[in-house]
């Protein structure tokens, strides 16, 4: 999964193509799929092939939802092709070494992305909630509040902020600690940080390329 500042940045950058009318529904749709961590519904209900179909994006919430899945796919693909550290992970299974390296990289990307737009103005949209899979609406609200807590009143985020976010969404402490340590390790490598943060423009360029492969062909 991309992290939420990355998702929101991407959603804002492509919203004109979707002719969005209600920004709060669009932004809440953008972050909705990862509410599965707090609602505990099956991932296949929030991330599946049907969401990528043009017919799915019939309202602003579902437009955001579709953009979320596209962003996930494009980020994984671009990371796997452009960050030397991650190129070796060519298999599709997310064993711990691959998961740790990719997710730590996404934390570093998210740190840059949250500074690239006025995220404080966007966070107010997360007061809106919707439960399209009839999950507990309180758990969806909890997910939105976790996002708000991560970024609210901050100009920058730290690896500790993400550590607490992972705990809030239910990750066990051992795994969250490994992620924090890996992110801190990566942050010490300025060349790696530059490689990671340069990927966003490549993600957007691939999205805007009319000759891009079908999204399903980009899944890594």
N, C-alpha and C. Protein backbone atom coordinates (compact mmCIF):
# COMPACT_ATOMS: atom_id res chain seq x y z
N UNK A 1 0.83 -1.19 0.00
CA UNK A 1 0.00 0.00 0.00
C UNK A 1 0.87 1.25 0.00
N UNK A 2 0.47 2.23 -0.80
CA UNK A 2 1.07 3.56 -0.66
C UNK A 2 0.54 4.14 0.65
N UNK A 3 1.26 5.09 1.23
CA UNK A 3 0.76 5.74 2.44
C UNK A 3 -0.10 6.94 2.06
N UNK A 4 -0.80 7.50 3.05
CA UNK A 4 -1.94 8.33 2.71
C UNK A 4 -1.60 9.69 2.12
N UNK A 5 -0.49 10.31 2.52
CA UNK A 5 -0.13 11.58 1.88
C UNK A 5 0.19 11.35 0.40
N UNK A 6 0.83 10.22 0.10
CA UNK A 6 1.09 9.88 -1.30
C UNK A 6 -0.21 9.68 -2.04
N UNK A 7 -1.13 8.94 -1.44
CA UNK A 7 -2.43 8.72 -2.07
C UNK A 7 -3.16 10.04 -2.32
N UNK A 8 -3.15 10.92 -1.34
CA UNK A 8 -3.88 12.18 -1.48
C UNK A 8 -3.20 13.08 -2.51
N UNK A 9 -1.87 13.13 -2.48
CA UNK A 9 -1.16 13.93 -3.48
C UNK A 9 -1.49 13.46 -4.89
N UNK A 10 -1.44 12.16 -5.09
CA UNK A 10 -1.74 11.60 -6.40
C UNK A 10 -3.19 11.91 -6.79
N UNK A 11 -4.11 11.74 -5.85
CA UNK A 11 -5.53 12.01 -6.13
C UNK A 11 -5.74 13.46 -6.54
N UNK A 12 -5.08 14.38 -5.87
CA UNK A 12 -5.20 15.79 -6.22
C UNK A 12 -4.61 16.08 -7.59
N UNK A 13 -3.52 15.41 -7.93
CA UNK A 13 -2.86 15.64 -9.21
C UNK A 13 -3.67 15.11 -10.39
N UNK A 14 -4.53 14.13 -10.17
CA UNK A 14 -5.28 13.55 -11.29
C UNK A 14 -6.77 13.89 -11.24
N UNK A 15 -7.20 14.68 -10.27
CA UNK A 15 -8.64 14.89 -10.06
C UNK A 15 -9.33 15.56 -11.24
N UNK A 16 -8.62 16.41 -11.99
CA UNK A 16 -9.26 17.08 -13.12
C UNK A 16 -9.70 16.09 -14.19
N UNK A 17 -8.95 15.00 -14.33
CA UNK A 17 -9.32 13.98 -15.31
C UNK A 17 -10.61 13.27 -14.90
N UNK A 18 -10.88 13.29 -13.61
CA UNK A 18 -12.08 12.62 -13.09
C UNK A 18 -13.27 13.57 -12.94
N UNK A 19 -13.06 14.84 -13.22
CA UNK A 19 -14.13 15.84 -13.13
C UNK A 19 -14.83 15.77 -11.77
N UNK A 20 -14.02 15.84 -10.74
CA UNK A 20 -14.53 15.73 -9.37
C UNK A 20 -15.35 16.96 -9.00
N UNK A 21 -16.51 16.72 -8.40
CA UNK A 21 -17.38 17.80 -7.97
C UNK A 21 -17.40 17.95 -6.45
N UNK A 22 -17.32 16.85 -5.74
CA UNK A 22 -17.37 16.88 -4.27
C UNK A 22 -16.02 16.39 -3.73
N UNK A 23 -15.16 17.32 -3.36
CA UNK A 23 -13.79 16.97 -2.97
C UNK A 23 -13.77 16.11 -1.71
N UNK A 24 -14.68 16.34 -0.77
CA UNK A 24 -14.64 15.56 0.47
C UNK A 24 -14.94 14.09 0.20
N UNK A 25 -15.88 13.83 -0.69
CA UNK A 25 -16.20 12.43 -1.03
C UNK A 25 -15.03 11.80 -1.80
N UNK A 26 -14.42 12.58 -2.67
CA UNK A 26 -13.29 12.08 -3.46
C UNK A 26 -12.11 11.74 -2.57
N UNK A 27 -11.77 12.64 -1.64
CA UNK A 27 -10.64 12.39 -0.75
C UNK A 27 -10.94 11.22 0.18
N UNK A 28 -12.14 11.16 0.69
CA UNK A 28 -12.48 10.04 1.58
C UNK A 28 -12.50 8.71 0.83
N UNK A 29 -12.90 8.75 -0.43
CA UNK A 29 -12.82 7.55 -1.25
C UNK A 29 -11.38 7.14 -1.49
N UNK A 30 -10.51 8.14 -1.62
CA UNK A 30 -9.09 7.89 -1.85
C UNK A 30 -8.45 7.14 -0.69
N UNK A 31 -8.80 7.48 0.53
CA UNK A 31 -8.17 6.83 1.69
C UNK A 31 -8.98 5.64 2.19
N UNK A 32 -10.20 5.50 1.69
CA UNK A 32 -11.09 4.45 2.20
C UNK A 32 -10.52 3.02 2.15
N UNK A 33 -9.90 2.58 1.05
CA UNK A 33 -9.52 1.16 0.98
C UNK A 33 -8.66 0.67 2.14
N UNK A 34 -7.82 1.52 2.68
CA UNK A 34 -6.95 1.08 3.77
C UNK A 34 -7.62 1.12 5.14
N UNK A 35 -8.88 1.54 5.15
CA UNK A 35 -9.64 1.44 6.41
C UNK A 35 -9.88 -0.02 6.77
N UNK A 36 -9.58 -0.91 5.84
CA UNK A 36 -9.74 -2.35 6.12
C UNK A 36 -8.88 -2.78 7.31
N UNK A 37 -7.82 -2.03 7.58
CA UNK A 37 -6.98 -2.38 8.73
C UNK A 37 -7.71 -2.19 10.05
N UNK A 38 -8.61 -1.22 10.10
CA UNK A 38 -9.37 -1.01 11.34
C UNK A 38 -10.73 -1.71 11.29
N UNK A 39 -11.32 -1.83 10.10
CA UNK A 39 -12.63 -2.49 10.00
C UNK A 39 -12.51 -4.00 9.97
N UNK A 40 -11.33 -4.49 9.57
CA UNK A 40 -11.03 -5.93 9.50
C UNK A 40 -11.81 -6.66 8.41
N UNK A 41 -12.30 -5.93 7.39
CA UNK A 41 -12.95 -6.63 6.28
C UNK A 41 -11.88 -7.17 5.35
N UNK A 42 -12.25 -8.11 4.52
CA UNK A 42 -11.29 -8.77 3.64
C UNK A 42 -10.75 -7.80 2.59
N UNK A 43 -9.46 -7.91 2.29
CA UNK A 43 -8.83 -7.01 1.32
C UNK A 43 -9.46 -7.11 -0.06
N UNK A 44 -10.00 -8.26 -0.41
CA UNK A 44 -10.61 -8.40 -1.74
C UNK A 44 -11.84 -7.52 -1.91
N UNK A 45 -12.39 -7.02 -0.81
CA UNK A 45 -13.54 -6.12 -0.90
C UNK A 45 -13.12 -4.68 -1.18
N UNK A 46 -11.88 -4.35 -0.88
CA UNK A 46 -11.42 -2.98 -1.06
C UNK A 46 -10.37 -2.84 -2.17
N UNK A 47 -9.75 -3.94 -2.56
CA UNK A 47 -8.73 -3.93 -3.61
C UNK A 47 -9.00 -5.13 -4.53
N UNK A 48 -9.56 -4.87 -5.71
CA UNK A 48 -9.82 -5.97 -6.65
C UNK A 48 -9.89 -5.41 -8.07
N UNK A 49 -9.88 -6.31 -9.03
CA UNK A 49 -9.82 -5.91 -10.43
C UNK A 49 -11.00 -5.09 -10.91
N UNK A 50 -12.18 -5.33 -10.36
CA UNK A 50 -13.37 -4.59 -10.80
C UNK A 50 -13.25 -3.09 -10.51
N UNK A 51 -12.51 -2.74 -9.47
CA UNK A 51 -12.35 -1.33 -9.09
C UNK A 51 -11.62 -0.56 -10.18
N UNK A 52 -10.82 -1.23 -10.98
CA UNK A 52 -10.05 -0.58 -12.04
C UNK A 52 -10.88 -0.31 -13.30
N UNK A 53 -12.07 -0.90 -13.39
CA UNK A 53 -12.90 -0.74 -14.59
C UNK A 53 -13.47 0.68 -14.66
N UNK A 54 -13.52 1.28 -15.84
CA UNK A 54 -14.08 2.64 -15.96
C UNK A 54 -15.48 2.77 -15.37
N UNK A 55 -16.29 1.73 -15.51
CA UNK A 55 -17.67 1.79 -15.02
C UNK A 55 -17.76 1.89 -13.50
N UNK A 56 -16.69 1.50 -12.81
CA UNK A 56 -16.72 1.55 -11.36
C UNK A 56 -16.77 2.98 -10.84
N UNK A 57 -16.08 3.88 -11.51
CA UNK A 57 -15.93 5.26 -11.02
C UNK A 57 -17.16 6.10 -11.37
N UNK A 58 -18.30 5.75 -10.78
CA UNK A 58 -19.56 6.39 -11.14
C UNK A 58 -19.95 7.54 -10.22
N UNK A 59 -19.22 7.73 -9.12
CA UNK A 59 -19.46 8.88 -8.25
C UNK A 59 -18.11 9.31 -7.67
N UNK A 60 -18.09 10.44 -6.99
CA UNK A 60 -16.81 10.99 -6.54
C UNK A 60 -16.11 10.11 -5.52
N UNK A 61 -16.86 9.45 -4.66
CA UNK A 61 -16.24 8.54 -3.69
C UNK A 61 -15.55 7.39 -4.41
N UNK A 62 -16.23 6.79 -5.38
CA UNK A 62 -15.65 5.67 -6.11
C UNK A 62 -14.53 6.10 -7.05
N UNK A 63 -14.57 7.34 -7.49
CA UNK A 63 -13.45 7.86 -8.27
C UNK A 63 -12.19 7.88 -7.41
N UNK A 64 -12.33 8.36 -6.18
CA UNK A 64 -11.20 8.35 -5.27
C UNK A 64 -10.74 6.95 -4.94
N UNK A 65 -11.67 6.06 -4.77
CA UNK A 65 -11.37 4.65 -4.47
C UNK A 65 -10.57 4.03 -5.61
N UNK A 66 -10.99 4.30 -6.84
CA UNK A 66 -10.26 3.78 -8.00
C UNK A 66 -8.85 4.37 -8.07
N UNK A 67 -8.74 5.66 -7.83
CA UNK A 67 -7.44 6.32 -7.86
C UNK A 67 -6.49 5.72 -6.82
N UNK A 68 -7.04 5.34 -5.67
CA UNK A 68 -6.23 4.69 -4.63
C UNK A 68 -5.58 3.43 -5.17
N UNK A 69 -6.36 2.59 -5.83
CA UNK A 69 -5.82 1.32 -6.31
C UNK A 69 -4.81 1.54 -7.43
N UNK A 70 -5.08 2.50 -8.30
CA UNK A 70 -4.14 2.82 -9.37
C UNK A 70 -2.81 3.29 -8.78
N UNK A 71 -2.89 4.14 -7.76
CA UNK A 71 -1.67 4.66 -7.12
C UNK A 71 -0.86 3.52 -6.50
N UNK A 72 -1.52 2.61 -5.82
CA UNK A 72 -0.82 1.45 -5.24
C UNK A 72 -0.04 0.69 -6.30
N UNK A 73 -0.72 0.41 -7.40
CA UNK A 73 -0.12 -0.40 -8.46
C UNK A 73 1.06 0.33 -9.10
N UNK A 74 0.86 1.61 -9.41
CA UNK A 74 1.92 2.37 -10.07
C UNK A 74 3.12 2.57 -9.16
N UNK A 75 2.88 2.83 -7.88
CA UNK A 75 4.03 3.02 -6.98
C UNK A 75 4.84 1.74 -6.84
N UNK A 76 4.17 0.62 -6.64
CA UNK A 76 4.90 -0.64 -6.53
C UNK A 76 5.72 -0.91 -7.79
N UNK A 77 5.12 -0.64 -8.95
CA UNK A 77 5.79 -0.90 -10.21
C UNK A 77 7.02 0.01 -10.37
N UNK A 78 6.83 1.31 -10.15
CA UNK A 78 7.93 2.26 -10.31
C UNK A 78 9.04 2.00 -9.30
N UNK A 79 8.69 1.70 -8.06
CA UNK A 79 9.70 1.38 -7.06
C UNK A 79 10.52 0.17 -7.49
N UNK A 80 9.83 -0.85 -7.99
CA UNK A 80 10.52 -2.10 -8.34
C UNK A 80 11.42 -1.95 -9.56
N UNK A 81 11.18 -0.91 -10.35
CA UNK A 81 11.98 -0.71 -11.57
C UNK A 81 13.05 0.38 -11.42
N UNK A 82 12.90 1.27 -10.44
CA UNK A 82 13.76 2.45 -10.39
C UNK A 82 14.60 2.60 -9.13
N UNK A 83 14.34 1.79 -8.12
CA UNK A 83 15.14 1.86 -6.90
C UNK A 83 16.01 0.60 -6.85
N UNK A 84 17.31 0.74 -7.09
CA UNK A 84 18.18 -0.44 -7.16
C UNK A 84 18.02 -1.40 -5.99
N UNK A 85 17.82 -0.87 -4.81
CA UNK A 85 17.66 -1.70 -3.63
C UNK A 85 16.47 -2.65 -3.75
N UNK A 86 15.45 -2.23 -4.51
CA UNK A 86 14.21 -3.00 -4.59
C UNK A 86 14.10 -3.84 -5.86
N UNK A 87 14.97 -3.61 -6.81
CA UNK A 87 14.89 -4.32 -8.09
C UNK A 87 15.00 -5.83 -7.89
N UNK A 88 15.77 -6.26 -6.91
CA UNK A 88 15.99 -7.69 -6.68
C UNK A 88 14.72 -8.42 -6.27
N UNK A 89 13.72 -7.68 -5.79
CA UNK A 89 12.49 -8.33 -5.34
C UNK A 89 11.52 -8.44 -6.51
N UNK A 90 11.70 -9.46 -7.32
CA UNK A 90 10.89 -9.61 -8.52
C UNK A 90 9.70 -10.54 -8.33
N UNK A 91 9.71 -11.34 -7.27
CA UNK A 91 8.59 -12.25 -7.06
C UNK A 91 7.41 -11.50 -6.45
N UNK A 92 6.23 -12.06 -6.61
CA UNK A 92 5.02 -11.35 -6.20
C UNK A 92 4.66 -11.57 -4.73
N UNK A 93 5.21 -12.57 -4.11
CA UNK A 93 4.89 -12.80 -2.70
C UNK A 93 5.58 -11.76 -1.83
N UNK A 94 4.87 -11.31 -0.79
CA UNK A 94 5.39 -10.24 0.06
C UNK A 94 6.00 -10.81 1.32
N UNK A 95 7.10 -11.56 1.17
CA UNK A 95 7.82 -12.06 2.33
C UNK A 95 8.42 -10.88 3.08
N UNK A 96 8.84 -11.13 4.32
CA UNK A 96 9.22 -10.01 5.19
C UNK A 96 10.32 -9.11 4.61
N UNK A 97 11.43 -9.63 4.06
CA UNK A 97 12.46 -8.71 3.55
C UNK A 97 11.92 -7.75 2.49
N UNK A 98 11.10 -8.27 1.58
CA UNK A 98 10.54 -7.41 0.53
C UNK A 98 9.56 -6.42 1.13
N UNK A 99 8.68 -6.88 1.99
CA UNK A 99 7.68 -6.01 2.60
C UNK A 99 8.33 -4.89 3.40
N UNK A 100 9.33 -5.24 4.18
CA UNK A 100 10.01 -4.23 5.00
C UNK A 100 10.67 -3.16 4.12
N UNK A 101 11.37 -3.59 3.09
CA UNK A 101 12.08 -2.63 2.24
C UNK A 101 11.14 -1.74 1.45
N UNK A 102 10.09 -2.34 0.88
CA UNK A 102 9.12 -1.55 0.14
C UNK A 102 8.39 -0.57 1.06
N UNK A 103 7.96 -1.04 2.21
CA UNK A 103 7.16 -0.18 3.09
C UNK A 103 8.01 0.93 3.70
N UNK A 104 9.24 0.64 4.06
CA UNK A 104 10.14 1.69 4.55
C UNK A 104 10.35 2.74 3.46
N UNK A 105 10.47 2.30 2.22
CA UNK A 105 10.62 3.24 1.10
C UNK A 105 9.37 4.10 0.95
N UNK A 106 8.21 3.50 1.18
CA UNK A 106 6.96 4.26 1.06
C UNK A 106 6.82 5.28 2.18
N UNK A 107 7.36 4.97 3.35
CA UNK A 107 7.38 5.95 4.44
C UNK A 107 8.20 7.17 4.02
N UNK A 108 9.37 6.92 3.43
CA UNK A 108 10.23 8.02 3.00
C UNK A 108 9.56 8.84 1.90
N UNK A 109 8.88 8.16 0.97
CA UNK A 109 8.13 8.87 -0.07
C UNK A 109 7.02 9.71 0.55
N UNK A 110 6.33 9.15 1.52
CA UNK A 110 5.22 9.85 2.16
C UNK A 110 5.70 11.09 2.91
N UNK A 111 6.88 11.01 3.51
CA UNK A 111 7.44 12.17 4.22
C UNK A 111 7.61 13.35 3.27
N UNK A 112 8.02 13.06 2.06
CA UNK A 112 8.18 14.13 1.07
C UNK A 112 6.82 14.59 0.55
N UNK A 113 5.93 13.65 0.30
CA UNK A 113 4.64 13.99 -0.29
C UNK A 113 3.78 14.85 0.62
N UNK A 114 3.86 14.63 1.93
CA UNK A 114 3.02 15.43 2.83
C UNK A 114 3.45 16.89 2.87
N UNK A 115 4.66 17.15 2.40
CA UNK A 115 5.16 18.52 2.35
C UNK A 115 4.93 19.19 1.00
N UNK A 116 4.40 18.44 0.04
CA UNK A 116 4.30 18.94 -1.33
C UNK A 116 2.98 19.67 -1.62
N UNK A 117 2.04 19.63 -0.68
CA UNK A 117 0.76 20.33 -0.85
C UNK A 117 0.27 20.72 0.55
N UNK A 118 -0.76 21.51 0.61
CA UNK A 118 -1.28 21.97 1.90
C UNK A 118 -2.17 20.88 2.50
N UNK A 119 -1.54 19.94 3.16
CA UNK A 119 -2.28 18.79 3.68
C UNK A 119 -3.23 19.20 4.80
N UNK A 120 -2.93 20.28 5.50
CA UNK A 120 -3.80 20.71 6.60
C UNK A 120 -5.20 21.09 6.08
N UNK A 121 -5.25 21.72 4.92
CA UNK A 121 -6.55 22.08 4.34
C UNK A 121 -7.31 20.86 3.85
N UNK A 122 -6.59 19.82 3.48
CA UNK A 122 -7.22 18.61 2.96
C UNK A 122 -7.78 17.74 4.09
N UNK A 123 -7.13 17.75 5.23
CA UNK A 123 -7.53 16.86 6.33
C UNK A 123 -8.96 17.09 6.79
N UNK A 124 -9.47 18.29 6.64
CA UNK A 124 -10.85 18.56 7.09
C UNK A 124 -11.86 17.73 6.32
N UNK A 125 -11.50 17.29 5.12
CA UNK A 125 -12.41 16.47 4.33
C UNK A 125 -12.63 15.09 4.95
N UNK A 126 -11.71 14.68 5.82
CA UNK A 126 -11.81 13.35 6.41
C UNK A 126 -12.83 13.28 7.55
N UNK A 127 -13.53 14.39 7.79
CA UNK A 127 -14.66 14.34 8.72
C UNK A 127 -15.85 13.63 8.09
N UNK A 128 -15.82 13.50 6.77
CA UNK A 128 -16.86 12.75 6.06
C UNK A 128 -16.47 11.27 6.06
N UNK A 129 -17.45 10.41 6.29
CA UNK A 129 -17.17 8.97 6.24
C UNK A 129 -18.31 8.25 5.53
N UNK A 130 -17.97 7.13 4.92
CA UNK A 130 -18.94 6.32 4.20
C UNK A 130 -18.47 4.87 4.29
N UNK A 131 -19.41 3.94 4.40
CA UNK A 131 -19.07 2.52 4.54
C UNK A 131 -19.72 1.69 3.43
N UNK A 132 -19.13 1.69 2.24
CA UNK A 132 -19.73 1.02 1.08
C UNK A 132 -19.85 -0.48 1.22
N UNK A 133 -19.07 -1.09 2.10
CA UNK A 133 -19.18 -2.53 2.32
C UNK A 133 -19.92 -2.87 3.61
N UNK A 134 -20.70 -1.89 4.09
CA UNK A 134 -21.52 -2.06 5.30
C UNK A 134 -20.68 -2.42 6.52
N UNK A 135 -19.41 -2.04 6.50
CA UNK A 135 -18.58 -2.25 7.67
C UNK A 135 -18.99 -1.25 8.76
N UNK A 136 -18.50 -1.47 9.95
CA UNK A 136 -18.84 -0.60 11.07
C UNK A 136 -18.36 0.83 10.78
N UNK A 137 -19.29 1.78 10.71
CA UNK A 137 -18.94 3.14 10.36
C UNK A 137 -17.99 3.76 11.38
N UNK A 138 -18.09 3.34 12.63
CA UNK A 138 -17.19 3.85 13.67
C UNK A 138 -15.75 3.45 13.37
N UNK A 139 -15.56 2.27 12.79
CA UNK A 139 -14.21 1.82 12.46
C UNK A 139 -13.64 2.57 11.26
N UNK A 140 -14.53 2.97 10.33
CA UNK A 140 -14.08 3.80 9.21
C UNK A 140 -13.67 5.18 9.73
N UNK A 141 -14.47 5.73 10.64
CA UNK A 141 -14.14 7.02 11.24
C UNK A 141 -12.81 6.93 12.00
N UNK A 142 -12.60 5.81 12.67
CA UNK A 142 -11.34 5.62 13.39
C UNK A 142 -10.16 5.66 12.41
N UNK A 143 -10.31 5.02 11.27
CA UNK A 143 -9.25 5.02 10.26
C UNK A 143 -8.95 6.44 9.79
N UNK A 144 -10.00 7.21 9.52
CA UNK A 144 -9.80 8.60 9.10
C UNK A 144 -9.11 9.42 10.18
N UNK A 145 -9.48 9.17 11.43
CA UNK A 145 -8.88 9.92 12.52
C UNK A 145 -7.40 9.59 12.69
N UNK A 146 -7.04 8.35 12.43
CA UNK A 146 -5.63 7.96 12.49
C UNK A 146 -4.82 8.74 11.46
N UNK A 147 -5.40 8.92 10.27
CA UNK A 147 -4.74 9.70 9.22
C UNK A 147 -4.59 11.15 9.67
N UNK A 148 -5.65 11.71 10.22
CA UNK A 148 -5.62 13.08 10.71
C UNK A 148 -4.53 13.23 11.77
N UNK A 149 -4.48 12.29 12.69
CA UNK A 149 -3.50 12.36 13.78
C UNK A 149 -2.07 12.31 13.27
N UNK A 150 -1.85 11.57 12.19
CA UNK A 150 -0.50 11.42 11.64
C UNK A 150 0.05 12.75 11.12
N UNK A 151 -0.82 13.54 10.48
CA UNK A 151 -0.33 14.74 9.78
C UNK A 151 -0.73 16.07 10.42
N UNK A 152 -1.73 16.08 11.28
CA UNK A 152 -2.31 17.34 11.74
C UNK A 152 -1.28 18.23 12.43
N UNK A 153 -1.27 19.49 11.99
CA UNK A 153 -0.43 20.54 12.57
C UNK A 153 1.06 20.24 12.46
N UNK A 154 1.44 19.43 11.47
CA UNK A 154 2.85 19.09 11.28
C UNK A 154 3.34 19.58 9.93
N UNK A 155 4.54 20.14 9.91
CA UNK A 155 5.18 20.50 8.65
C UNK A 155 5.97 19.33 8.09
N UNK A 156 6.42 18.46 8.97
CA UNK A 156 7.14 17.25 8.57
C UNK A 156 6.69 16.09 9.45
N UNK A 157 6.94 14.88 8.98
CA UNK A 157 6.66 13.69 9.77
C UNK A 157 7.97 12.96 10.02
N UNK A 158 7.97 12.13 11.05
CA UNK A 158 9.18 11.37 11.41
C UNK A 158 8.86 9.88 11.40
N UNK A 159 9.91 9.06 11.46
CA UNK A 159 9.70 7.62 11.51
C UNK A 159 8.93 7.22 12.76
N UNK A 160 9.08 7.99 13.83
CA UNK A 160 8.30 7.72 15.05
C UNK A 160 6.82 7.96 14.82
N UNK A 161 6.47 8.98 14.04
CA UNK A 161 5.06 9.25 13.74
C UNK A 161 4.43 8.06 13.02
N UNK A 162 5.16 7.50 12.07
CA UNK A 162 4.63 6.35 11.33
C UNK A 162 4.57 5.11 12.22
N UNK A 163 5.53 4.97 13.10
CA UNK A 163 5.51 3.86 14.06
C UNK A 163 4.21 3.87 14.86
N UNK A 164 3.84 5.03 15.37
CA UNK A 164 2.61 5.13 16.16
C UNK A 164 1.37 4.93 15.29
N UNK A 165 1.45 5.37 14.04
CA UNK A 165 0.35 5.13 13.11
C UNK A 165 0.13 3.65 12.89
N UNK A 166 1.24 2.91 12.69
CA UNK A 166 1.12 1.46 12.48
C UNK A 166 0.50 0.78 13.70
N UNK A 167 0.91 1.19 14.88
CA UNK A 167 0.32 0.62 16.09
C UNK A 167 -1.17 0.94 16.16
N UNK A 168 -1.54 2.15 15.78
CA UNK A 168 -2.95 2.55 15.83
C UNK A 168 -3.83 1.74 14.89
N UNK A 169 -3.27 1.32 13.75
CA UNK A 169 -4.08 0.53 12.81
C UNK A 169 -4.05 -0.96 13.14
N UNK A 170 -3.32 -1.32 14.19
CA UNK A 170 -3.38 -2.70 14.66
C UNK A 170 -2.17 -3.56 14.36
N UNK A 171 -1.10 -2.97 13.84
CA UNK A 171 0.10 -3.75 13.59
C UNK A 171 0.75 -4.12 14.92
N UNK A 172 1.30 -5.32 15.01
CA UNK A 172 1.95 -5.71 16.25
C UNK A 172 3.24 -4.92 16.44
N UNK A 173 3.62 -4.75 17.70
CA UNK A 173 4.73 -3.87 18.05
C UNK A 173 6.05 -4.32 17.44
N UNK A 174 6.27 -5.61 17.37
CA UNK A 174 7.54 -6.12 16.81
C UNK A 174 7.68 -5.73 15.35
N UNK A 175 6.61 -5.92 14.57
CA UNK A 175 6.68 -5.59 13.15
C UNK A 175 6.80 -4.07 12.95
N UNK A 176 6.07 -3.29 13.74
CA UNK A 176 6.15 -1.84 13.64
C UNK A 176 7.55 -1.35 14.00
N UNK A 177 8.16 -1.98 14.97
CA UNK A 177 9.52 -1.60 15.36
C UNK A 177 10.52 -1.90 14.25
N UNK A 178 10.34 -3.03 13.57
CA UNK A 178 11.22 -3.36 12.45
C UNK A 178 11.09 -2.33 11.34
N UNK A 179 9.85 -1.90 11.09
CA UNK A 179 9.62 -0.90 10.05
C UNK A 179 10.29 0.42 10.41
N UNK A 180 10.14 0.84 11.67
CA UNK A 180 10.76 2.09 12.10
C UNK A 180 12.27 2.01 11.95
N UNK A 181 12.85 0.90 12.35
CA UNK A 181 14.30 0.74 12.24
C UNK A 181 14.75 0.77 10.79
N UNK A 182 13.99 0.11 9.91
CA UNK A 182 14.35 0.08 8.49
C UNK A 182 14.24 1.48 7.88
N UNK A 183 13.18 2.22 8.23
CA UNK A 183 13.02 3.58 7.72
C UNK A 183 14.18 4.47 8.18
N UNK A 184 14.57 4.35 9.44
CA UNK A 184 15.70 5.14 9.96
C UNK A 184 16.99 4.77 9.25
N UNK A 185 17.15 3.49 8.96
CA UNK A 185 18.34 3.03 8.22
C UNK A 185 18.37 3.65 6.83
N UNK A 186 17.24 3.64 6.13
CA UNK A 186 17.18 4.19 4.78
C UNK A 186 17.41 5.71 4.78
N UNK A 187 16.90 6.39 5.80
CA UNK A 187 17.02 7.84 5.86
C UNK A 187 18.47 8.31 5.99
N UNK A 188 19.34 7.43 6.44
CA UNK A 188 20.76 7.77 6.56
C UNK A 188 21.47 7.76 5.21
N UNK A 189 20.85 7.17 4.21
CA UNK A 189 21.44 7.04 2.88
C UNK A 189 20.83 8.11 1.97
N UNK A 190 21.52 9.22 1.81
CA UNK A 190 20.97 10.34 1.05
C UNK A 190 20.70 9.99 -0.41
N UNK A 191 21.56 9.14 -0.97
CA UNK A 191 21.34 8.73 -2.36
C UNK A 191 20.06 7.91 -2.49
N UNK A 192 19.83 7.01 -1.54
CA UNK A 192 18.62 6.19 -1.55
C UNK A 192 17.39 7.07 -1.37
N UNK A 193 17.46 8.01 -0.44
CA UNK A 193 16.33 8.91 -0.21
C UNK A 193 15.99 9.66 -1.50
N UNK A 194 17.00 10.12 -2.20
CA UNK A 194 16.80 10.84 -3.46
C UNK A 194 16.16 9.93 -4.51
N UNK A 195 16.63 8.69 -4.59
CA UNK A 195 16.07 7.73 -5.53
C UNK A 195 14.58 7.49 -5.26
N UNK A 196 14.25 7.35 -3.99
CA UNK A 196 12.86 7.09 -3.60
C UNK A 196 11.99 8.30 -3.93
N UNK A 197 12.44 9.47 -3.50
CA UNK A 197 11.59 10.65 -3.66
C UNK A 197 11.44 11.09 -5.10
N UNK A 198 12.37 10.68 -5.96
CA UNK A 198 12.27 11.03 -7.38
C UNK A 198 11.24 10.16 -8.09
N UNK A 199 10.76 9.13 -7.43
CA UNK A 199 9.83 8.19 -8.07
C UNK A 199 8.44 8.79 -8.29
N UNK A 200 8.06 9.78 -7.48
CA UNK A 200 6.69 10.29 -7.63
C UNK A 200 6.45 10.85 -9.03
N UNK A 201 7.37 11.62 -9.54
CA UNK A 201 7.20 12.19 -10.88
C UNK A 201 7.10 11.08 -11.93
N UNK A 202 7.81 9.99 -11.72
CA UNK A 202 7.75 8.86 -12.64
C UNK A 202 6.37 8.18 -12.56
N UNK A 203 5.82 8.11 -11.35
CA UNK A 203 4.48 7.54 -11.17
C UNK A 203 3.46 8.36 -11.96
N UNK A 204 3.53 9.67 -11.81
CA UNK A 204 2.58 10.55 -12.48
C UNK A 204 2.78 10.52 -13.99
N UNK A 205 4.02 10.44 -14.43
CA UNK A 205 4.30 10.37 -15.87
C UNK A 205 3.73 9.09 -16.45
N UNK A 206 3.87 7.98 -15.75
CA UNK A 206 3.33 6.71 -16.24
C UNK A 206 1.81 6.78 -16.31
N UNK A 207 1.20 7.38 -15.31
CA UNK A 207 -0.27 7.53 -15.31
C UNK A 207 -0.72 8.33 -16.53
N UNK A 208 0.02 9.36 -16.85
CA UNK A 208 -0.38 10.26 -17.94
C UNK A 208 0.04 9.77 -19.32
N UNK A 209 0.73 8.64 -19.36
CA UNK A 209 1.20 8.08 -20.64
C UNK A 209 0.06 7.31 -21.30
N UNK A 210 -0.44 7.77 -22.43
CA UNK A 210 -1.56 7.08 -23.08
C UNK A 210 -1.20 5.69 -23.58
N UNK A 211 0.11 5.39 -23.63
CA UNK A 211 0.54 4.07 -24.11
C UNK A 211 0.92 3.14 -22.96
N UNK A 212 0.54 3.52 -21.72
CA UNK A 212 0.91 2.70 -20.57
C UNK A 212 0.24 1.34 -20.66
N UNK A 213 0.86 0.35 -20.02
CA UNK A 213 0.30 -0.98 -19.98
C UNK A 213 -0.98 -0.98 -19.16
N UNK A 214 -1.80 -2.02 -19.35
CA UNK A 214 -2.96 -2.19 -18.49
C UNK A 214 -2.48 -2.31 -17.04
N UNK A 215 -3.21 -1.75 -16.11
CA UNK A 215 -2.77 -1.73 -14.72
C UNK A 215 -2.50 -3.14 -14.19
N UNK A 216 -3.30 -4.09 -14.63
CA UNK A 216 -3.10 -5.44 -14.13
C UNK A 216 -1.75 -6.00 -14.55
N UNK A 217 -1.21 -5.47 -15.64
CA UNK A 217 0.11 -5.93 -16.12
C UNK A 217 1.25 -5.29 -15.34
N UNK A 218 0.92 -4.27 -14.53
CA UNK A 218 1.96 -3.58 -13.76
C UNK A 218 2.09 -4.12 -12.35
N UNK A 219 1.21 -4.99 -11.95
CA UNK A 219 1.23 -5.51 -10.59
C UNK A 219 2.50 -6.32 -10.36
N UNK A 220 3.22 -6.00 -9.28
CA UNK A 220 4.47 -6.72 -8.96
C UNK A 220 4.33 -7.43 -7.64
